[in-house]
Amino acid sequence: QWRQEFDTHLDIPEARTIPREVDGRQEISLRWGRIEFATSQALLQQE
């Protein structure tokens, strides 16, 4: 859903937001930064 919203509202095509798995979370890398998708359980592990 978020990838579709990026495409619709931010003009970032879904082809550019294909996530990769990094330490139990999904990560999208763009030139200007990184977007991470994590469950609350994964966030609970962060300090």
All heavy atoms as atom14 arrays in JSON, in Angstrom:
{
  "sequence": "QWRQEFDTHLDIPEARTIPREVDGRQEISLRWGRIEFATSQALLQQE",
  "atom14_mask": [
    [1, 1, 1, 1, 1, 1, 1, 1, 1, 0, 0, 0, 0, 0],
    [1, 1, 1, 1, 1, 1, 1, 1, 1, 1, 1, 1, 1, 1],
    [1, 1, 1, 1, 1, 1, 1, 1, 1, 1, 1, 0, 0, 0],
    [1, 1, 1, 1, 1, 1, 1, 1, 1, 0, 0, 0, 0, 0],
    [1, 1, 1, 1, 1, 1, 1, 1, 1, 0, 0, 0, 0, 0],
    [1, 1, 1, 1, 1, 1, 1, 1, 1, 1, 1, 0, 0, 0],
    [1, 1, 1, 1, 1, 1, 1, 1, 0, 0, 0, 0, 0, 0],
    [1, 1, 1, 1, 1, 1, 1, 0, 0, 0, 0, 0, 0, 0],
    [1, 1, 1, 1, 1, 1, 1, 1, 1, 1, 0, 0, 0, 0],
    [1, 1, 1, 1, 1, 1, 1, 1, 0, 0, 0, 0, 0, 0],
    [1, 1, 1, 1, 1, 1, 1, 1, 0, 0, 0, 0, 0, 0],
    [1, 1, 1, 1, 1, 1, 1, 1, 0, 0, 0, 0, 0, 0],
    [1, 1, 1, 1, 1, 1, 1, 0, 0, 0, 0, 0, 0, 0],
    [1, 1, 1, 1, 1, 1, 1, 1, 1, 0, 0, 0, 0, 0],
    [1, 1, 1, 1, 1, 0, 0, 0, 0, 0, 0, 0, 0, 0],
    [1, 1, 1, 1, 1, 1, 1, 1, 1, 1, 1, 0, 0, 0],
    [1, 1, 1, 1, 1, 1, 1, 0, 0, 0, 0, 0, 0, 0],
    [1, 1, 1, 1, 1, 1, 1, 1, 0, 0, 0, 0, 0, 0],
    [1, 1, 1, 1, 1, 1, 1, 0, 0, 0, 0, 0, 0, 0],
    [1, 1, 1, 1, 1, 1, 1, 1, 1, 1, 1, 0, 0, 0],
    [1, 1, 1, 1, 1, 1, 1, 1, 1, 0, 0, 0, 0, 0],
    [1, 1, 1, 1, 1, 1, 1, 0, 0, 0, 0, 0, 0, 0],
    [1, 1, 1, 1, 1, 1, 1, 1, 0, 0, 0, 0, 0, 0],
    [1, 1, 1, 1, 0, 0, 0, 0, 0, 0, 0, 0, 0, 0],
    [1, 1, 1, 1, 1, 1, 1, 1, 1, 1, 1, 0, 0, 0],
    [1, 1, 1, 1, 1, 1, 1, 1, 1, 0, 0, 0, 0, 0],
    [1, 1, 1, 1, 1, 1, 1, 1, 1, 0, 0, 0, 0, 0],
    [1, 1, 1, 1, 1, 1, 1, 1, 0, 0, 0, 0, 0, 0],
    [1, 1, 1, 1, 1, 1, 0, 0, 0, 0, 0, 0, 0, 0],
    [1, 1, 1, 1, 1, 1, 1, 1, 0, 0, 0, 0, 0, 0],
    [1, 1, 1, 1, 1, 1, 1, 1, 1, 1, 1, 0, 0, 0],
    [1, 1, 1, 1, 1, 1, 1, 1, 1, 1, 1, 1, 1, 1],
    [1, 1, 1, 1, 0, 0, 0, 0, 0, 0, 0, 0, 0, 0],
    [1, 1, 1, 1, 1, 1, 1, 1, 1, 1, 1, 0, 0, 0],
    [1, 1, 1, 1, 1, 1, 1, 1, 0, 0, 0, 0, 0, 0],
    [1, 1, 1, 1, 1, 1, 1, 1, 1, 0, 0, 0, 0, 0],
    [1, 1, 1, 1, 1, 1, 1, 1, 1, 1, 1, 0, 0, 0],
    [1, 1, 1, 1, 1, 0, 0, 0, 0, 0, 0, 0, 0, 0],
    [1, 1, 1, 1, 1, 1, 1, 0, 0, 0, 0, 0, 0, 0],
    [1, 1, 1, 1, 1, 1, 0, 0, 0, 0, 0, 0, 0, 0],
    [1, 1, 1, 1, 1, 1, 1, 1, 1, 0, 0, 0, 0, 0],
    [1, 1, 1, 1, 1, 0, 0, 0, 0, 0, 0, 0, 0, 0],
    [1, 1, 1, 1, 1, 1, 1, 1, 0, 0, 0, 0, 0, 0],
    [1, 1, 1, 1, 1, 1, 1, 1, 0, 0, 0, 0, 0, 0],
    [1, 1, 1, 1, 1, 1, 1, 1, 1, 0, 0, 0, 0, 0],
    [1, 1, 1, 1, 1, 1, 1, 1, 1, 0, 0, 0, 0, 0],
    [1, 1, 1, 1, 1, 1, 1, 1, 1, 0, 0, 0, 0, 0]
  ],
  "atom14_positions": [
    [[0.82, -1.2, 0.0], [0.0, 0.0, 0.0], [0.86, 1.25, 0.0], [0.58, 2.21, -0.74], [-0.94, 0.01, 1.21], [-2.04, -1.0, 1.14], [-2.84, -1.05, 2.43], [-2.42, -0.55, 3.48], [-3.99, -1.69, 2.36], [0.0, 0.0, 0.0], [0.0, 0.0, 0.0], [0.0, 0.0, 0.0], [0.0, 0.0, 0.0], [0.0, 0.0, 0.0]],
    [[1.91, 1.28, 0.82], [2.79, 2.45, 0.87], [3.5, 2.66, -0.45], [3.66, 3.79, -0.92], [3.8, 2.3, 2.02], [3.24, 2.78, 3.31], [2.72, 2.01, 4.32], [3.11, 4.12, 3.73], [2.28, 2.8, 5.34], [2.5, 4.11, 5.01], [3.43, 5.35, 3.18], [2.24, 5.27, 5.73], [3.16, 6.51, 3.89], [2.57, 6.45, 5.14]],
    [[3.93, 1.58, -1.09], [4.59, 1.71, -2.39], [3.64, 2.32, -3.42], [4.05, 3.15, -4.23], [5.12, 0.36, -2.86], [6.3, -0.12, -2.0], [6.82, -1.47, -2.43], [7.37, -1.38, -3.77], [7.23, -2.33, -4.68], [6.56, -3.44, -4.42], [7.76, -2.17, -5.87], [0.0, 0.0, 0.0], [0.0, 0.0, 0.0], [0.0, 0.0, 0.0]],
    [[2.38, 1.94, -3.37], [1.39, 2.53, -4.28], [1.2, 4.02, -3.97], [1.06, 4.83, -4.89], [0.07, 1.79, -4.16], [0.1, 0.39, -4.72], [-1.16, -0.4, -4.4], [-2.12, 0.11, -3.84], [-1.15, -1.67, -4.76], [0.0, 0.0, 0.0], [0.0, 0.0, 0.0], [0.0, 0.0, 0.0], [0.0, 0.0, 0.0], [0.0, 0.0, 0.0]],
    [[1.18, 4.36, -2.69], [1.03, 5.77, -2.3], [2.23, 6.6, -2.74], [2.08, 7.75, -3.17], [0.82, 5.9, -0.79], [-0.46, 5.27, -0.29], [-1.71, 5.9, -0.86], [-1.74, 7.13, -1.05], [-2.67, 5.16, -1.13], [0.0, 0.0, 0.0], [0.0, 0.0, 0.0], [0.0, 0.0, 0.0], [0.0, 0.0, 0.0], [0.0, 0.0, 0.0]],
    [[3.45, 6.04, -2.63], [4.64, 6.74, -3.11], [4.48, 7.06, -4.6], [4.81, 8.15, -5.05], [5.9, 5.9, -2.92], [6.33, 5.71, -1.5], [7.08, 4.59, -1.15], [6.0, 6.61, -0.51], [7.49, 4.4, 0.15], [6.41, 6.42, 0.8], [7.16, 5.31, 1.13], [0.0, 0.0, 0.0], [0.0, 0.0, 0.0], [0.0, 0.0, 0.0]],
    [[3.99, 6.07, -5.36], [3.81, 6.25, -6.79], [2.75, 7.31, -7.07], [2.97, 8.25, -7.83], [3.42, 4.91, -7.43], [3.42, 4.95, -8.95], [3.86, 5.95, -9.54], [2.97, 3.96, -9.55], [0.0, 0.0, 0.0], [0.0, 0.0, 0.0], [0.0, 0.0, 0.0], [0.0, 0.0, 0.0], [0.0, 0.0, 0.0], [0.0, 0.0, 0.0]],
    [[1.62, 7.21, -6.4], [0.5, 8.12, -6.65], [0.78, 9.55, -6.21], [0.54, 10.5, -6.94], [-0.77, 7.61, -5.94], [-1.07, 6.3, -6.41], [-1.95, 8.53, -6.18], [0.0, 0.0, 0.0], [0.0, 0.0, 0.0], [0.0, 0.0, 0.0], [0.0, 0.0, 0.0], [0.0, 0.0, 0.0], [0.0, 0.0, 0.0], [0.0, 0.0, 0.0]],
    [[1.3, 9.71, -4.99], [1.4, 11.05, -4.4], [2.78, 11.68, -4.46], [2.91, 12.9, -4.38], [0.92, 11.02, -2.94], [-0.5, 10.57, -2.82], [-1.57, 11.34, -3.23], [-1.03, 9.41, -2.35], [-2.69, 10.69, -3.01], [-2.39, 9.51, -2.48], [0.0, 0.0, 0.0], [0.0, 0.0, 0.0], [0.0, 0.0, 0.0], [0.0, 0.0, 0.0]],
    [[3.82, 10.86, -4.57], [5.18, 11.4, -4.6], [5.87, 11.19, -5.94], [7.03, 11.56, -6.1], [6.02, 10.76, -3.49], [5.5, 10.97, -2.06], [6.37, 10.2, -1.07], [5.47, 12.45, -1.72], [0.0, 0.0, 0.0], [0.0, 0.0, 0.0], [0.0, 0.0, 0.0], [0.0, 0.0, 0.0], [0.0, 0.0, 0.0], [0.0, 0.0, 0.0]],
    [[5.17, 10.56, -6.87], [5.7, 10.29, -8.2], [6.99, 9.47, -8.15], [7.94, 9.72, -8.9], [5.92, 11.6, -8.98], [6.0, 11.36, -10.48], [5.45, 10.36, -10.95], [6.64, 12.18, -11.17], [0.0, 0.0, 0.0], [0.0, 0.0, 0.0], [0.0, 0.0, 0.0], [0.0, 0.0, 0.0], [0.0, 0.0, 0.0], [0.0, 0.0, 0.0]],
    [[7.02, 8.51, -7.24], [8.14, 7.57, -7.16], [7.58, 6.22, -7.63], [6.86, 5.56, -6.89], [8.71, 7.44, -5.73], [9.17, 8.8, -5.21], [9.85, 6.43, -5.71], [9.6, 8.78, -3.75], [0.0, 0.0, 0.0], [0.0, 0.0, 0.0], [0.0, 0.0, 0.0], [0.0, 0.0, 0.0], [0.0, 0.0, 0.0], [0.0, 0.0, 0.0]],
    [[7.89, 5.82, -8.87], [7.31, 4.59, -9.43], [7.62, 3.36, -8.57], [8.69, 3.28, -7.96], [7.98, 4.47, -10.8], [8.53, 5.82, -11.1], [8.82, 6.46, -9.77], [0.0, 0.0, 0.0], [0.0, 0.0, 0.0], [0.0, 0.0, 0.0], [0.0, 0.0, 0.0], [0.0, 0.0, 0.0], [0.0, 0.0, 0.0], [0.0, 0.0, 0.0]],
    [[6.67, 2.44, -8.55], [6.86, 1.22, -7.76], [8.11, 0.46, -8.17], [8.73, -0.21, -7.34], [5.62, 0.33, -7.86], [4.45, 0.86, -7.08], [3.27, -0.08, -7.04], [3.45, -1.22, -6.55], [2.19, 0.3, -7.49], [0.0, 0.0, 0.0], [0.0, 0.0, 0.0], [0.0, 0.0, 0.0], [0.0, 0.0, 0.0], [0.0, 0.0, 0.0]],
    [[8.51, 0.56, -9.44], [9.73, -0.11, -9.9], [10.97, 0.4, -9.17], [11.97, -0.3, -9.07], [9.89, 0.07, -11.4], [0.0, 0.0, 0.0], [0.0, 0.0, 0.0], [0.0, 0.0, 0.0], [0.0, 0.0, 0.0], [0.0, 0.0, 0.0], [0.0, 0.0, 0.0], [0.0, 0.0, 0.0], [0.0, 0.0, 0.0], [0.0, 0.0, 0.0]],
    [[10.91, 1.63, -8.62], [12.05, 2.2, -7.88], [11.97, 1.93, -6.39], [12.87, 2.3, -5.65], [12.12, 3.71, -8.12], [12.53, 4.04, -9.55], [12.71, 5.51, -9.78], [13.59, 6.12, -8.82], [13.5, 7.4, -8.45], [12.58, 8.18, -8.97], [14.34, 7.89, -7.57], [0.0, 0.0, 0.0], [0.0, 0.0, 0.0], [0.0, 0.0, 0.0]],
    [[10.87, 1.34, -5.93], [10.71, 1.11, -4.49], [10.61, -0.38, -4.16], [9.89, -0.77, -3.26], [9.46, 1.85, -3.95], [8.29, 1.38, -4.62], [9.6, 3.36, -4.13], [0.0, 0.0, 0.0], [0.0, 0.0, 0.0], [0.0, 0.0, 0.0], [0.0, 0.0, 0.0], [0.0, 0.0, 0.0], [0.0, 0.0, 0.0], [0.0, 0.0, 0.0]],
    [[11.36, -1.18, -4.87], [11.39, -2.61, -4.58], [12.23, -2.8, -3.32], [13.41, -2.43, -3.29], [11.95, -3.41, -5.77], [11.04, -3.24, -6.98], [12.12, -4.89, -5.39], [11.58, -3.79, -8.26], [0.0, 0.0, 0.0], [0.0, 0.0, 0.0], [0.0, 0.0, 0.0], [0.0, 0.0, 0.0], [0.0, 0.0, 0.0], [0.0, 0.0, 0.0]],
    [[11.64, -3.35, -2.27], [12.38, -3.48, -1.0], [13.33, -4.67, -1.01], [13.18, -5.61, -1.78], [11.27, -3.69, 0.02], [10.18, -4.36, -0.75], [10.27, -3.81, -2.15], [0.0, 0.0, 0.0], [0.0, 0.0, 0.0], [0.0, 0.0, 0.0], [0.0, 0.0, 0.0], [0.0, 0.0, 0.0], [0.0, 0.0, 0.0], [0.0, 0.0, 0.0]],
    [[14.31, -4.58, -0.11], [15.2, -5.72, 0.14], [15.19, -5.98, 1.64], [14.97, -5.07, 2.45], [16.6, -5.48, -0.39], [17.34, -4.35, 0.25], [18.68, -4.1, -0.46], [19.36, -2.99, 0.15], [20.31, -3.1, 1.08], [20.71, -4.28, 1.48], [20.87, -2.03, 1.6], [0.0, 0.0, 0.0], [0.0, 0.0, 0.0], [0.0, 0.0, 0.0]],
    [[15.43, -7.21, 2.03], [15.42, -7.62, 3.43], [16.74, -7.24, 4.09], [17.82, -7.55, 3.58], [15.22, -9.13, 3.52], [15.23, -9.69, 4.91], [13.86, -9.73, 5.54], [12.86, -9.61, 4.82], [13.79, -9.88, 6.76], [0.0, 0.0, 0.0], [0.0, 0.0, 0.0], [0.0, 0.0, 0.0], [0.0, 0.0, 0.0], [0.0, 0.0, 0.0]],
    [[16.67, -6.51, 5.21], [17.86, -6.11, 5.96], [17.55, -6.28, 7.45], [16.7, -5.57, 7.99], [18.24, -4.64, 5.68], [19.44, -4.23, 6.51], [18.51, -4.4, 4.2], [0.0, 0.0, 0.0], [0.0, 0.0, 0.0], [0.0, 0.0, 0.0], [0.0, 0.0, 0.0], [0.0, 0.0, 0.0], [0.0, 0.0, 0.0], [0.0, 0.0, 0.0]],
    [[18.21, -7.21, 8.09], [18.07, -7.41, 9.55], [16.61, -7.49, 10.01], [16.2, -6.82, 10.95], [18.78, -6.3, 10.32], [20.27, -6.3, 10.08], [20.84, -7.4, 9.85], [20.88, -5.22, 10.11], [0.0, 0.0, 0.0], [0.0, 0.0, 0.0], [0.0, 0.0, 0.0], [0.0, 0.0, 0.0], [0.0, 0.0, 0.0], [0.0, 0.0, 0.0]],
    [[15.8, -8.26, 9.31], [14.42, -8.48, 9.73], [13.45, -7.38, 9.35], [12.31, -7.38, 9.79], [0.0, 0.0, 0.0], [0.0, 0.0, 0.0], [0.0, 0.0, 0.0], [0.0, 0.0, 0.0], [0.0, 0.0, 0.0], [0.0, 0.0, 0.0], [0.0, 0.0, 0.0], [0.0, 0.0, 0.0], [0.0, 0.0, 0.0], [0.0, 0.0, 0.0]],
    [[13.87, -6.43, 8.55], [12.96, -5.38, 8.09], [13.16, -5.19, 6.59], [14.16, -5.61, 6.03], [13.2, -4.08, 8.85], [14.55, -3.49, 8.67], [14.79, -2.3, 9.59], [16.07, -1.72, 9.33], [17.23, -2.15, 9.81], [17.24, -3.22, 10.59], [18.35, -1.56, 9.52], [0.0, 0.0, 0.0], [0.0, 0.0, 0.0], [0.0, 0.0, 0.0]],
    [[12.19, -4.56, 5.97], [12.27, -4.27, 4.55], [12.85, -2.86, 4.37], [12.47, -1.94, 5.09], [10.88, -4.34, 3.91], [10.25, -5.73, 3.99], [10.99, -6.74, 3.15], [11.31, -6.49, 1.99], [11.29, -7.89, 3.73], [0.0, 0.0, 0.0], [0.0, 0.0, 0.0], [0.0, 0.0, 0.0], [0.0, 0.0, 0.0], [0.0, 0.0, 0.0]],
    [[13.73, -2.7, 3.41], [14.39, -1.41, 3.2], [14.32, -1.02, 1.72], [14.53, -1.84, 0.84], [15.84, -1.5, 3.63], [16.6, -0.21, 3.52], [18.01, -0.36, 4.03], [18.19, -0.48, 5.26], [18.94, -0.35, 3.19], [0.0, 0.0, 0.0], [0.0, 0.0, 0.0], [0.0, 0.0, 0.0], [0.0, 0.0, 0.0], [0.0, 0.0, 0.0]],
    [[13.98, 0.24, 1.47], [13.99, 0.81, 0.12], [15.05, 1.89, 0.11], [15.01, 2.82, 0.91], [12.61, 1.41, -0.22], [11.54, 0.32, -0.23], [12.67, 2.13, -1.57], [10.12, 0.86, -0.32], [0.0, 0.0, 0.0], [0.0, 0.0, 0.0], [0.0, 0.0, 0.0], [0.0, 0.0, 0.0], [0.0, 0.0, 0.0], [0.0, 0.0, 0.0]],
    [[16.02, 1.76, -0.79], [17.08, 2.75, -0.9], [16.84, 3.63, -2.11], [16.64, 3.13, -3.22], [18.45, 2.07, -1.03], [18.77, 1.4, 0.16], [0.0, 0.0, 0.0], [0.0, 0.0, 0.0], [0.0, 0.0, 0.0], [0.0, 0.0, 0.0], [0.0, 0.0, 0.0], [0.0, 0.0, 0.0], [0.0, 0.0, 0.0], [0.0, 0.0, 0.0]],
    [[16.85, 4.93, -1.87], [16.71, 5.93, -2.94], [17.94, 6.83, -2.89], [18.67, 6.83, -1.9], [15.42, 6.73, -2.75], [14.14, 5.89, -2.76], [12.96, 6.71, -2.27], [13.88, 5.36, -4.16], [0.0, 0.0, 0.0], [0.0, 0.0, 0.0], [0.0, 0.0, 0.0], [0.0, 0.0, 0.0], [0.0, 0.0, 0.0], [0.0, 0.0, 0.0]],
    [[18.17, 7.63, -3.92], [19.36, 8.51, -3.94], [19.38, 9.44, -2.74], [20.44, 9.73, -2.18], [19.38, 9.36, -5.21], [19.89, 8.65, -6.42], [20.0, 9.61, -7.55], [18.75, 10.36, -7.64], [18.24, 10.86, -8.73], [18.88, 10.73, -9.85], [17.11, 11.5, -8.72], [0.0, 0.0, 0.0], [0.0, 0.0, 0.0], [0.0, 0.0, 0.0]],
    [[18.24, 9.93, -2.32], [18.16, 10.94, -1.27], [18.01, 10.36, 0.13], [18.02, 11.09, 1.1], [17.02, 11.92, -1.54], [15.72, 11.24, -1.87], [15.24, 10.98, -3.11], [14.76, 10.74, -0.94], [14.02, 10.34, -3.02], [13.71, 10.18, -1.69], [14.67, 10.7, 0.45], [12.59, 9.6, -1.12], [13.55, 10.11, 1.03], [12.53, 9.58, 0.25]],
    [[17.88, 9.05, 0.24], [17.75, 8.47, 1.57], [17.23, 7.06, 1.55], [17.14, 6.42, 0.5], [0.0, 0.0, 0.0], [0.0, 0.0, 0.0], [0.0, 0.0, 0.0], [0.0, 0.0, 0.0], [0.0, 0.0, 0.0], [0.0, 0.0, 0.0], [0.0, 0.0, 0.0], [0.0, 0.0, 0.0], [0.0, 0.0, 0.0], [0.0, 0.0, 0.0]],
    [[16.9, 6.59, 2.72], [16.49, 5.21, 2.92], [15.14, 5.2, 3.63], [14.91, 5.98, 4.55], [17.55, 4.5, 3.75], [17.42, 3.04, 3.83], [18.57, 2.4, 4.59], [18.48, 2.75, 6.01], [19.41, 3.4, 6.7], [20.52, 3.78, 6.12], [19.25, 3.68, 7.97], [0.0, 0.0, 0.0], [0.0, 0.0, 0.0], [0.0, 0.0, 0.0]],
    [[14.27, 4.3, 3.21], [12.97, 4.11, 3.86], [12.97, 2.69, 4.4], [13.25, 1.74, 3.67], [11.81, 4.28, 2.85], [11.87, 5.66, 2.2], [10.48, 4.04, 3.54], [10.95, 5.81, 1.01], [0.0, 0.0, 0.0], [0.0, 0.0, 0.0], [0.0, 0.0, 0.0], [0.0, 0.0, 0.0], [0.0, 0.0, 0.0], [0.0, 0.0, 0.0]],
    [[12.69, 2.54, 5.68], [12.63, 1.22, 6.3], [11.21, 0.91, 6.71], [10.5, 1.78, 7.19], [13.52, 1.16, 7.54], [14.99, 1.32, 7.26], [15.81, 1.28, 8.53], [15.3, 0.88, 9.58], [16.98, 1.67, 8.46], [0.0, 0.0, 0.0], [0.0, 0.0, 0.0], [0.0, 0.0, 0.0], [0.0, 0.0, 0.0], [0.0, 0.0, 0.0]],
    [[10.81, -0.33, 6.53], [9.52, -0.83, 6.99], [9.81, -1.92, 8.02], [10.49, -2.88, 7.72], [8.72, -1.42, 5.83], [8.25, -0.39, 4.86], [9.07, 0.07, 3.84], [6.98, 0.14, 4.97], [8.65, 1.03, 2.95], [6.53, 1.1, 4.08], [7.37, 1.55, 3.06], [0.0, 0.0, 0.0], [0.0, 0.0, 0.0], [0.0, 0.0, 0.0]],
    [[9.3, -1.72, 9.23], [9.55, -2.68, 10.29], [8.28, -2.92, 11.09], [7.45, -2.03, 11.24], [10.66, -2.17, 11.21], [0.0, 0.0, 0.0], [0.0, 0.0, 0.0], [0.0, 0.0, 0.0], [0.0, 0.0, 0.0], [0.0, 0.0, 0.0], [0.0, 0.0, 0.0], [0.0, 0.0, 0.0], [0.0, 0.0, 0.0], [0.0, 0.0, 0.0]],
    [[8.16, -4.11, 11.61], [7.04, -4.4, 12.5], [7.36, -3.84, 13.88], [8.51, -3.52, 14.19], [6.83, -5.92, 12.63], [8.0, -6.49, 13.24], [6.57, -6.57, 11.28], [0.0, 0.0, 0.0], [0.0, 0.0, 0.0], [0.0, 0.0, 0.0], [0.0, 0.0, 0.0], [0.0, 0.0, 0.0], [0.0, 0.0, 0.0], [0.0, 0.0, 0.0]],
    [[6.35, -3.71, 14.69], [6.58, -3.22, 16.05], [7.49, -4.18, 16.81], [8.3, -3.77, 17.62], [5.27, -3.01, 16.79], [4.54, -4.22, 16.82], [0.0, 0.0, 0.0], [0.0, 0.0, 0.0], [0.0, 0.0, 0.0], [0.0, 0.0, 0.0], [0.0, 0.0, 0.0], [0.0, 0.0, 0.0], [0.0, 0.0, 0.0], [0.0, 0.0, 0.0]],
    [[7.36, -5.48, 16.53], [8.22, -6.46, 17.21], [9.69, -6.22, 16.87], [10.56, -6.32, 17.73], [7.81, -7.89, 16.82], [6.46, -8.3, 17.33], [5.31, -7.89, 16.4], [5.5, -7.16, 15.43], [4.12, -8.34, 16.72], [0.0, 0.0, 0.0], [0.0, 0.0, 0.0], [0.0, 0.0, 0.0], [0.0, 0.0, 0.0], [0.0, 0.0, 0.0]],
    [[9.98, -5.88, 15.61], [11.37, -5.59, 15.21], [11.85, -4.3, 15.87], [12.99, -4.2, 16.31], [11.49, -5.49, 13.7], [0.0, 0.0, 0.0], [0.0, 0.0, 0.0], [0.0, 0.0, 0.0], [0.0, 0.0, 0.0], [0.0, 0.0, 0.0], [0.0, 0.0, 0.0], [0.0, 0.0, 0.0], [0.0, 0.0, 0.0], [0.0, 0.0, 0.0]],
    [[10.98, -3.29, 15.95], [11.37, -2.03, 16.58], [11.63, -2.2, 18.08], [12.47, -1.5, 18.65], [10.28, -0.97, 16.37], [10.17, -0.4, 14.96], [8.99, 0.55, 14.88], [11.45, 0.3, 14.55], [0.0, 0.0, 0.0], [0.0, 0.0, 0.0], [0.0, 0.0, 0.0], [0.0, 0.0, 0.0], [0.0, 0.0, 0.0], [0.0, 0.0, 0.0]],
    [[10.92, -3.13, 18.71], [11.15, -3.37, 20.13], [12.58, -3.82, 20.41], [13.08, -3.63, 21.52], [10.17, -4.44, 20.66], [8.78, -3.94, 21.0], [7.83, -5.12, 21.19], [8.8, -3.06, 22.24], [0.0, 0.0, 0.0], [0.0, 0.0, 0.0], [0.0, 0.0, 0.0], [0.0, 0.0, 0.0], [0.0, 0.0, 0.0], [0.0, 0.0, 0.0]],
    [[13.25, -4.38, 19.43], [14.62, -4.88, 19.6], [15.66, -3.76, 19.5], [16.81, -3.95, 19.85], [14.93, -5.96, 18.56], [13.95, -7.12, 18.56], [13.81, -7.77, 19.91], [14.81, -8.08, 20.56], [12.58, -7.97, 20.36], [0.0, 0.0, 0.0], [0.0, 0.0, 0.0], [0.0, 0.0, 0.0], [0.0, 0.0, 0.0], [0.0, 0.0, 0.0]],
    [[15.25, -2.58, 19.03], [16.2, -1.48, 18.84], [16.42, -0.71, 20.14], [15.5, -0.51, 20.93], [15.68, -0.52, 17.77], [15.79, -1.09, 16.4], [15.59, -0.03, 15.34], [14.91, -0.28, 14.39], [16.17, 1.14, 15.51], [0.0, 0.0, 0.0], [0.0, 0.0, 0.0], [0.0, 0.0, 0.0], [0.0, 0.0, 0.0], [0.0, 0.0, 0.0]],
    [[17.65, -0.27, 20.32], [18.01, 0.51, 21.5], [17.68, 1.99, 21.33], [17.3, 2.65, 22.28], [19.52, 0.36, 21.78], [19.93, -1.05, 22.14], [19.38, -1.48, 23.49], [19.35, -0.64, 24.41], [18.97, -2.65, 23.6], [0.0, 0.0, 0.0], [0.0, 0.0, 0.0], [0.0, 0.0, 0.0], [0.0, 0.0, 0.0], [0.0, 0.0, 0.0]]
  ]
}
